[in-house]
Amino acid sequence: MHDALLRQRLGRARFSRRELLAAGCTVVGITTVVITVILSATNQVSAQQAIALALSAGVTAMGGLLGLIVPDPWTAWRRGFRQGCEAALRSQSDDEGADVTTQSRERDKRSG
């Protein structure tokens, strides 16, 4: 399966705009992380400034990595939402059938 994904990728000539943005964010984030570590190690910035730099660098790097990992976030969100709705409907229909049968049996036991 992994080979099939690689073959599809090698066949494409250009990256999409979203993939280029995600790669750029990853590079900027990783660069900012390295700069933050160097500035903190050499005591060029205060602890509060180092924390602020690290948070922004981490968010940028993680956002870029997620953008590279998730191929199409909008489609993934829609599919996940649809699957969740279908699971909820199945769960409700199963629960309703069990409740009605159980309640009627309990009433019969009490009255009889």
C-alpha atoms as a PDB file:
ATOM      1  CA  MET A   1       0.000   0.000   0.000  1.00  0.00           C
ATOM      2  CA  HIS A   2       2.848   2.366   0.795  1.00  0.00           C
ATOM      3  CA  ASP A   3       4.373   1.723  -2.641  1.00  0.00           C
ATOM      4  CA  ALA A   4       1.104   2.675  -4.323  1.00  0.00           C
ATOM      5  CA  LEU A   5       1.122   6.016  -2.540  1.00  0.00           C
ATOM      6  CA  LEU A   6       4.700   6.651  -3.589  1.00  0.00           C
ATOM      7  CA  ARG A   7       3.961   5.763  -7.212  1.00  0.00           C
ATOM      8  CA  GLN A   8       1.063   8.215  -7.312  1.00  0.00           C
ATOM      9  CA  ARG A   9       3.235  10.945  -5.836  1.00  0.00           C
ATOM     10  CA  LEU A  10       6.072  10.381  -8.295  1.00  0.00           C
ATOM     11  CA  GLY A  11       3.669  10.654 -11.218  1.00  0.00           C
ATOM     12  CA  ARG A  12       2.602  14.182 -10.271  1.00  0.00           C
ATOM     13  CA  ALA A  13       4.750  16.971 -11.597  1.00  0.00           C
ATOM     14  CA  ARG A  14       3.741  19.880  -9.332  1.00  0.00           C
ATOM     15  CA  PHE A  15       2.834  20.392  -5.710  1.00  0.00           C
ATOM     16  CA  SER A  16      -0.483  21.993  -4.846  1.00  0.00           C
ATOM     17  CA  ARG A  17      -0.626  25.443  -3.304  1.00  0.00           C
ATOM     18  CA  ARG A  18      -1.709  23.924   0.020  1.00  0.00           C
ATOM     19  CA  GLU A  19       1.260  21.536   0.055  1.00  0.00           C
ATOM     20  CA  LEU A  20       3.696  24.357  -0.687  1.00  0.00           C
ATOM     21  CA  LEU A  21       2.202  26.463   2.108  1.00  0.00           C
ATOM     22  CA  ALA A  22       2.419  23.540   4.549  1.00  0.00           C
ATOM     23  CA  ALA A  23       6.044  22.858   3.589  1.00  0.00           C
ATOM     24  CA  GLY A  24       6.879  26.546   3.984  1.00  0.00           C
ATOM     25  CA  CYS A  25       5.244  26.680   7.420  1.00  0.00           C
ATOM     26  CA  THR A  26       7.174  23.586   8.482  1.00  0.00           C
ATOM     27  CA  VAL A  27      10.490  25.081   7.363  1.00  0.00           C
ATOM     28  CA  VAL A  28       9.781  28.424   9.051  1.00  0.00           C
ATOM     29  CA  GLY A  29       8.646  26.656  12.236  1.00  0.00           C
ATOM     30  CA  ILE A  30      11.702  24.418  12.451  1.00  0.00           C
ATOM     31  CA  THR A  31      14.009  27.361  11.733  1.00  0.00           C
ATOM     32  CA  THR A  32      12.323  29.394  14.473  1.00  0.00           C
ATOM     33  CA  VAL A  33      12.655  26.479  16.900  1.00  0.00           C
ATOM     34  CA  VAL A  34      16.397  26.248  16.225  1.00  0.00           C
ATOM     35  CA  ILE A  35      16.832  30.013  16.608  1.00  0.00           C
ATOM     36  CA  THR A  36      14.863  29.935  19.879  1.00  0.00           C
ATOM     37  CA  VAL A  37      17.066  27.171  21.274  1.00  0.00           C
ATOM     38  CA  ILE A  38      20.234  29.028  20.316  1.00  0.00           C
ATOM     39  CA  LEU A  39      19.010  32.323  21.794  1.00  0.00           C
ATOM     40  CA  SER A  40      17.930  30.582  25.000  1.00  0.00           C
ATOM     41  CA  ALA A  41      21.179  28.659  25.353  1.00  0.00           C
ATOM     42  CA  THR A  42      23.267  31.802  24.980  1.00  0.00           C
ATOM     43  CA  ASN A  43      21.024  33.843  27.344  1.00  0.00           C
ATOM     44  CA  GLN A  44      20.267  36.436  24.670  1.00  0.00           C
ATOM     45  CA  VAL A  45      16.566  36.548  25.587  1.00  0.00           C
ATOM     46  CA  SER A  46      14.677  36.423  28.872  1.00  0.00           C
ATOM     47  CA  ALA A  47      12.774  33.336  29.992  1.00  0.00           C
ATOM     48  CA  GLN A  48       9.444  34.985  29.131  1.00  0.00           C
ATOM     49  CA  GLN A  49      10.647  35.868  25.625  1.00  0.00           C
ATOM     50  CA  ALA A  50      12.011  32.347  25.122  1.00  0.00           C
ATOM     51  CA  ILE A  51       8.644  30.841  26.069  1.00  0.00           C
ATOM     52  CA  ALA A  52       6.819  33.182  23.691  1.00  0.00           C
ATOM     53  CA  LEU A  53       9.215  32.307  20.862  1.00  0.00           C
ATOM     54  CA  ALA A  54       8.951  28.583  21.587  1.00  0.00           C
ATOM     55  CA  LEU A  55       5.149  28.609  21.592  1.00  0.00           C
ATOM     56  CA  SER A  56       4.874  30.424  18.281  1.00  0.00           C
ATOM     57  CA  ALA A  57       7.593  28.261  16.723  1.00  0.00           C
ATOM     58  CA  GLY A  58       5.960  25.059  17.937  1.00  0.00           C
ATOM     59  CA  VAL A  59       2.512  26.033  16.650  1.00  0.00           C
ATOM     60  CA  THR A  60       3.942  26.996  13.253  1.00  0.00           C
ATOM     61  CA  ALA A  61       5.971  23.795  12.911  1.00  0.00           C
ATOM     62  CA  MET A  62       3.125  21.526  14.043  1.00  0.00           C
ATOM     63  CA  GLY A  63       0.632  23.296  11.782  1.00  0.00           C
ATOM     64  CA  GLY A  64       2.919  22.793   8.809  1.00  0.00           C
ATOM     65  CA  LEU A  65       3.488  19.131   9.632  1.00  0.00           C
ATOM     66  CA  LEU A  66      -0.230  18.500  10.002  1.00  0.00           C
ATOM     67  CA  GLY A  67      -0.789  20.219   6.674  1.00  0.00           C
ATOM     68  CA  LEU A  68       1.678  17.825   5.066  1.00  0.00           C
ATOM     69  CA  ILE A  69       0.288  14.718   6.775  1.00  0.00           C
ATOM     70  CA  VAL A  70      -3.440  15.274   6.202  1.00  0.00           C
ATOM     71  CA  PRO A  71      -3.959  15.124   2.433  1.00  0.00           C
ATOM     72  CA  ASP A  72      -7.293  16.958   2.271  1.00  0.00           C
ATOM     73  CA  PRO A  73      -8.535  18.231   5.641  1.00  0.00           C
ATOM     74  CA  TRP A  74     -11.927  19.460   4.400  1.00  0.00           C
ATOM     75  CA  THR A  75     -12.810  16.092   2.860  1.00  0.00           C
ATOM     76  CA  ALA A  76     -11.533  14.267   5.958  1.00  0.00           C
ATOM     77  CA  TRP A  77     -13.689  16.481   8.192  1.00  0.00           C
ATOM     78  CA  ARG A  78     -16.801  15.907   6.067  1.00  0.00           C
ATOM     79  CA  ARG A  79     -16.288  12.139   5.993  1.00  0.00           C
ATOM     80  CA  GLY A  80     -15.685  12.014   9.736  1.00  0.00           C
ATOM     81  CA  PHE A  81     -18.781  14.097  10.399  1.00  0.00           C
ATOM     82  CA  ARG A  82     -20.879  11.844   8.153  1.00  0.00           C
ATOM     83  CA  GLN A  83     -19.550   8.683   9.837  1.00  0.00           C
ATOM     84  CA  GLY A  84     -20.288  10.160  13.268  1.00  0.00           C
ATOM     85  CA  CYS A  85     -23.866  11.008  12.288  1.00  0.00           C
ATOM     86  CA  GLU A  86     -24.442   7.529  10.874  1.00  0.00           C
ATOM     87  CA  ALA A  87     -23.015   5.911  14.010  1.00  0.00           C
ATOM     88  CA  ALA A  88     -25.255   8.068  16.211  1.00  0.00           C
ATOM     89  CA  LEU A  89     -28.332   7.115  14.196  1.00  0.00           C
ATOM     90  CA  ARG A  90     -27.456   3.422  14.386  1.00  0.00           C
ATOM     91  CA  SER A  91     -26.855   3.705  18.117  1.00  0.00           C
ATOM     92  CA  GLN A  92     -30.166   5.477  18.713  1.00  0.00           C
ATOM     93  CA  SER A  93     -32.148   2.967  16.686  1.00  0.00           C
ATOM     94  CA  ASP A  94     -30.521   0.058  18.553  1.00  0.00           C
ATOM     95  CA  ASP A  95     -31.186   1.675  21.940  1.00  0.00           C
ATOM     96  CA  GLU A  96     -34.822   2.491  21.183  1.00  0.00           C
ATOM     97  CA  GLY A  97     -35.639  -1.064  20.151  1.00  0.00           C
ATOM     98  CA  ALA A  98     -33.991  -2.489  23.261  1.00  0.00           C
ATOM     99  CA  ASP A  99     -35.674   0.003  25.596  1.00  0.00           C
ATOM    100  CA  VAL A 100     -39.182  -0.677  24.339  1.00  0.00           C
ATOM    101  CA  THR A 101     -38.787  -4.445  24.621  1.00  0.00           C
ATOM    102  CA  THR A 102     -37.162  -4.236  28.049  1.00  0.00           C
ATOM    103  CA  GLN A 103     -39.757  -1.806  29.423  1.00  0.00           C
ATOM    104  CA  SER A 104     -42.713  -3.916  28.250  1.00  0.00           C
ATOM    105  CA  ARG A 105     -41.185  -7.078  29.768  1.00  0.00           C
ATOM    106  CA  GLU A 106     -40.594  -5.303  33.087  1.00  0.00           C
ATOM    107  CA  ARG A 107     -44.219  -4.106  33.190  1.00  0.00           C
ATOM    108  CA  ASP A 108     -45.450  -7.624  32.461  1.00  0.00           C
ATOM    109  CA  LYS A 109     -43.310  -9.039  35.312  1.00  0.00           C
ATOM    110  CA  ARG A 110     -44.599  -6.442  37.786  1.00  0.00           C
ATOM    111  CA  SER A 111     -48.260  -6.887  36.902  1.00  0.00           C
ATOM    112  CA  GLY A 112     -48.120 -10.677  36.754  1.00  0.00           C
END
